[in-house]
């Protein structure tokens, strides 16, 4: 009978020993993160603590914290129940403040989250209640194409119901949208035409 020491040192002559040694897993040290960990997303708290934590992070001074919170919100708010909770806890006011952030990624993701919110009735009501249309419309002139596109898409989504369309008219966006048809990218022009239709 072979000892464990001889097994690992290769002193055994048993054919199964050499086979196992060839097939055994080896330890590998890697600097790469596992594929299921996204460093751009904030860790999400559980249950009713998730939205308050993200709302605090949206107001954080550190840029990466705000960016991560926005990335996480983009995924988390696809559930209508989460949107209701986010609106109740003041996330829309935080997002409104982020529309004027100096960082393009923050503006990009803030407009994306607002577009997701605008896809739900309660979100469209919040657009009117919190006067989101005017600051969002200011982003029609943003330097980043994606920010302009998201802001047009969010306004288009809000204008699909009567009070939202009234909000667009009351904020004098129709002449602005018509003017944008002259110079905007084709993809954004299509969204503008849908808004006016």
Protein backbone atom coordinates (compact mmCIF):
# COMPACT_ATOMS: atom_id res chain seq x y z
CA UNK A 1 0.00 0.00 0.00
CA UNK A 2 1.34 3.42 -0.94
CA UNK A 3 1.53 6.28 1.51
CA UNK A 4 0.02 9.71 0.90
CA UNK A 5 3.52 11.19 0.79
CA UNK A 6 4.59 8.85 -1.96
CA UNK A 7 1.33 9.53 -3.84
CA UNK A 8 1.99 13.28 -4.04
CA UNK A 9 5.69 12.94 -4.68
CA UNK A 10 5.04 10.64 -7.59
CA UNK A 11 6.65 7.63 -5.98
CA UNK A 12 3.62 5.43 -6.60
CA UNK A 13 3.64 3.16 -9.55
CA UNK A 14 -0.12 2.83 -9.72
CA UNK A 15 -1.48 4.01 -13.13
CA UNK A 16 -4.39 5.85 -11.47
CA UNK A 17 -1.91 8.02 -9.57
CA UNK A 18 -0.37 9.57 -12.67
CA UNK A 19 -3.82 10.03 -14.25
CA UNK A 20 -5.15 11.88 -11.18
CA UNK A 21 -2.08 14.07 -10.94
CA UNK A 22 -2.51 15.15 -14.57
CA UNK A 23 -6.21 15.92 -14.13
CA UNK A 24 -6.13 17.61 -10.72
CA UNK A 25 -7.09 21.26 -10.58
CA UNK A 26 -4.31 23.72 -10.10
CA UNK A 27 -4.49 27.02 -8.31
CA UNK A 28 -4.23 30.04 -10.54
CA UNK A 29 -3.86 33.60 -9.32
CA UNK A 30 -5.44 36.15 -11.60
CA UNK A 31 -5.83 39.91 -11.42
CA UNK A 32 -9.01 39.74 -13.47
CA UNK A 33 -12.36 39.99 -11.73
CA UNK A 34 -14.79 37.14 -12.13
CA UNK A 35 -17.05 37.68 -15.15
CA UNK A 36 -20.17 38.14 -13.02
CA UNK A 37 -18.78 41.10 -11.05
CA UNK A 38 -19.25 44.51 -12.64
CA UNK A 39 -17.00 47.16 -11.07
CA UNK A 40 -19.24 49.89 -12.50
CA UNK A 41 -22.25 48.93 -10.37
CA UNK A 42 -22.80 49.74 -6.75
CA UNK A 43 -23.46 46.86 -4.39
CA UNK A 44 -27.19 46.72 -3.89
CA UNK A 45 -28.66 46.51 -0.41
CA UNK A 46 -31.49 44.08 0.17
CA UNK A 47 -35.19 44.79 0.40
CA UNK A 48 -36.38 48.19 1.46
CA UNK A 49 -32.83 49.45 2.01
CA UNK A 50 -31.78 49.37 -1.65
CA UNK A 51 -33.40 52.56 -2.91
CA UNK A 52 -32.49 54.75 0.10
CA UNK A 53 -28.86 53.64 -0.22
CA UNK A 54 -28.80 54.39 -3.95
CA UNK A 55 -30.45 57.78 -3.39
CA UNK A 56 -27.72 58.69 -0.87
CA UNK A 57 -25.08 57.58 -3.36
CA UNK A 58 -26.64 59.74 -6.10
CA UNK A 59 -25.92 62.75 -3.88
CA UNK A 60 -22.36 61.68 -3.01
CA UNK A 61 -19.47 64.04 -3.71
CA UNK A 62 -17.35 61.28 -5.28
CA UNK A 63 -17.92 60.88 -9.01
CA UNK A 64 -17.44 57.11 -9.18
CA UNK A 65 -20.03 56.62 -6.43
CA UNK A 66 -22.62 58.61 -8.38
CA UNK A 67 -21.80 56.75 -11.59
CA UNK A 68 -22.11 53.34 -9.92
CA UNK A 69 -25.41 54.27 -8.29
CA UNK A 70 -26.80 55.36 -11.66
CA UNK A 71 -25.65 52.13 -13.33
CA UNK A 72 -27.36 50.12 -10.64
CA UNK A 73 -30.55 52.20 -10.83
CA UNK A 74 -30.73 51.58 -14.59
CA UNK A 75 -31.08 47.87 -13.85
CA UNK A 76 -33.07 48.09 -10.63
CA UNK A 77 -35.85 50.38 -11.84
CA UNK A 78 -37.15 48.09 -14.56
CA UNK A 79 -39.54 46.75 -11.93
CA UNK A 80 -42.57 49.10 -11.52
CA UNK A 81 -42.66 48.46 -7.78
CA UNK A 82 -39.13 49.79 -7.49
CA UNK A 83 -40.10 52.92 -9.45
CA UNK A 84 -42.94 53.66 -7.04
CA UNK A 85 -40.58 53.27 -4.08
CA UNK A 86 -37.89 55.40 -5.77
CA UNK A 87 -40.36 58.21 -6.41
CA UNK A 88 -41.65 58.03 -2.84
CA UNK A 89 -38.10 58.32 -1.49
CA UNK A 90 -37.11 61.34 -3.64
CA UNK A 91 -34.87 59.72 -6.24
CA UNK A 92 -36.40 61.87 -8.98
CA UNK A 93 -35.20 65.04 -7.24
CA UNK A 94 -31.70 63.59 -7.06
CA UNK A 95 -31.86 62.71 -10.75
CA UNK A 96 -33.06 66.23 -11.58
CA UNK A 97 -30.00 67.66 -9.83
CA UNK A 98 -27.71 65.28 -11.74
CA UNK A 99 -28.95 66.60 -15.10
CA UNK A 100 -26.58 69.55 -14.62
CA UNK A 101 -23.59 67.44 -13.49
CA UNK A 102 -20.31 68.28 -15.21
CA UNK A 103 -19.60 64.60 -15.96
CA UNK A 104 -21.02 63.26 -19.23
CA UNK A 105 -21.49 59.73 -17.91
CA UNK A 106 -23.58 61.01 -15.02
CA UNK A 107 -25.80 63.03 -17.38
CA UNK A 108 -26.03 60.05 -19.75
CA UNK A 109 -27.13 57.63 -17.05
CA UNK A 110 -29.40 60.16 -15.30
CA UNK A 111 -31.30 60.69 -18.56
CA UNK A 112 -31.44 56.93 -19.11
CA UNK A 113 -32.95 56.39 -15.66
CA UNK A 114 -35.46 59.19 -16.30
CA UNK A 115 -36.41 57.51 -19.58
CA UNK A 116 -37.04 54.26 -17.69
CA UNK A 117 -39.16 56.12 -15.13
CA UNK A 118 -41.10 57.89 -17.91
CA UNK A 119 -42.14 54.48 -19.21
CA UNK A 120 -44.58 54.10 -16.31
CA UNK A 121 -47.71 56.12 -15.48
CA UNK A 122 -46.54 57.01 -12.00
CA UNK A 123 -43.23 58.18 -13.49
CA UNK A 124 -44.91 60.37 -16.07
CA UNK A 125 -46.96 61.98 -13.31
CA UNK A 126 -43.74 62.60 -11.36
CA UNK A 127 -42.23 64.37 -14.39
CA UNK A 128 -45.01 66.94 -14.12
CA UNK A 129 -45.11 67.08 -10.31
CA UNK A 130 -41.36 67.72 -10.02
CA UNK A 131 -40.98 69.87 -13.18
CA UNK A 132 -38.52 67.52 -14.86
CA UNK A 133 -39.40 68.61 -18.42
CA UNK A 134 -37.56 72.01 -18.42
CA UNK A 135 -34.16 70.77 -17.16
CA UNK A 136 -34.42 67.70 -19.37
CA UNK A 137 -35.18 69.90 -22.39
CA UNK A 138 -32.01 71.92 -21.69
CA UNK A 139 -30.08 68.77 -22.50
CA UNK A 140 -31.30 68.93 -26.12
CA UNK A 141 -28.13 71.03 -26.60
CA UNK A 142 -25.76 68.73 -24.68
CA UNK A 143 -22.36 67.92 -26.19
CA UNK A 144 -22.94 64.17 -25.94
CA UNK A 145 -25.19 62.54 -28.53
CA UNK A 146 -26.38 59.87 -26.09
CA UNK A 147 -27.51 62.50 -23.57
CA UNK A 148 -29.47 64.33 -26.26
CA UNK A 149 -31.01 61.08 -27.48
CA UNK A 150 -32.04 59.96 -23.98
CA UNK A 151 -33.53 63.35 -23.15
CA UNK A 152 -35.55 63.31 -26.39
CA UNK A 153 -36.71 59.76 -25.68
CA UNK A 154 -37.80 60.63 -22.13
CA UNK A 155 -39.72 63.69 -23.31
CA UNK A 156 -41.29 61.60 -26.08
CA UNK A 157 -42.38 59.01 -23.53
CA UNK A 158 -43.94 61.67 -21.29
CA UNK A 159 -45.73 63.31 -24.22
CA UNK A 160 -47.60 60.08 -25.00
CA UNK A 161 -50.25 60.92 -22.41
CA UNK A 162 -52.38 64.09 -22.42
CA UNK A 163 -50.99 65.88 -19.33
CA UNK A 164 -47.44 65.18 -20.54
CA UNK A 165 -48.22 66.58 -23.99
CA UNK A 166 -49.64 69.68 -22.28
CA UNK A 167 -46.42 69.96 -20.30
CA UNK A 168 -44.41 69.86 -23.51
CA UNK A 169 -46.58 72.61 -25.03
CA UNK A 170 -46.56 74.74 -21.85
CA UNK A 171 -42.76 74.61 -21.76
CA UNK A 172 -42.64 75.84 -25.39
CA UNK A 173 -40.77 72.77 -26.60
CA UNK A 174 -42.54 72.49 -29.97
CA UNK A 175 -40.56 75.35 -31.60
CA UNK A 176 -37.35 73.99 -30.06
CA UNK A 177 -38.05 70.51 -31.41
CA UNK A 178 -38.82 71.91 -34.87
CA UNK A 179 -35.56 73.87 -34.81
CA UNK A 180 -33.64 70.74 -33.79
CA UNK A 181 -34.88 68.99 -36.94
CA UNK A 182 -32.51 71.21 -38.96
CA UNK A 183 -29.30 70.22 -37.21
CA UNK A 184 -29.79 67.09 -35.10
CA UNK A 185 -28.60 63.56 -35.86
CA UNK A 186 -31.04 61.46 -37.89
CA UNK A 187 -31.72 59.06 -35.03
CA UNK A 188 -32.71 61.95 -32.76
CA UNK A 189 -34.73 63.60 -35.55
CA UNK A 190 -36.93 60.52 -35.70
CA UNK A 191 -37.62 60.78 -31.97
CA UNK A 192 -38.42 64.50 -32.35
CA UNK A 193 -40.88 63.74 -35.16
CA UNK A 194 -42.59 61.11 -33.01
CA UNK A 195 -42.96 63.70 -30.22
CA UNK A 196 -44.67 66.15 -32.54
CA UNK A 197 -46.90 63.45 -34.05
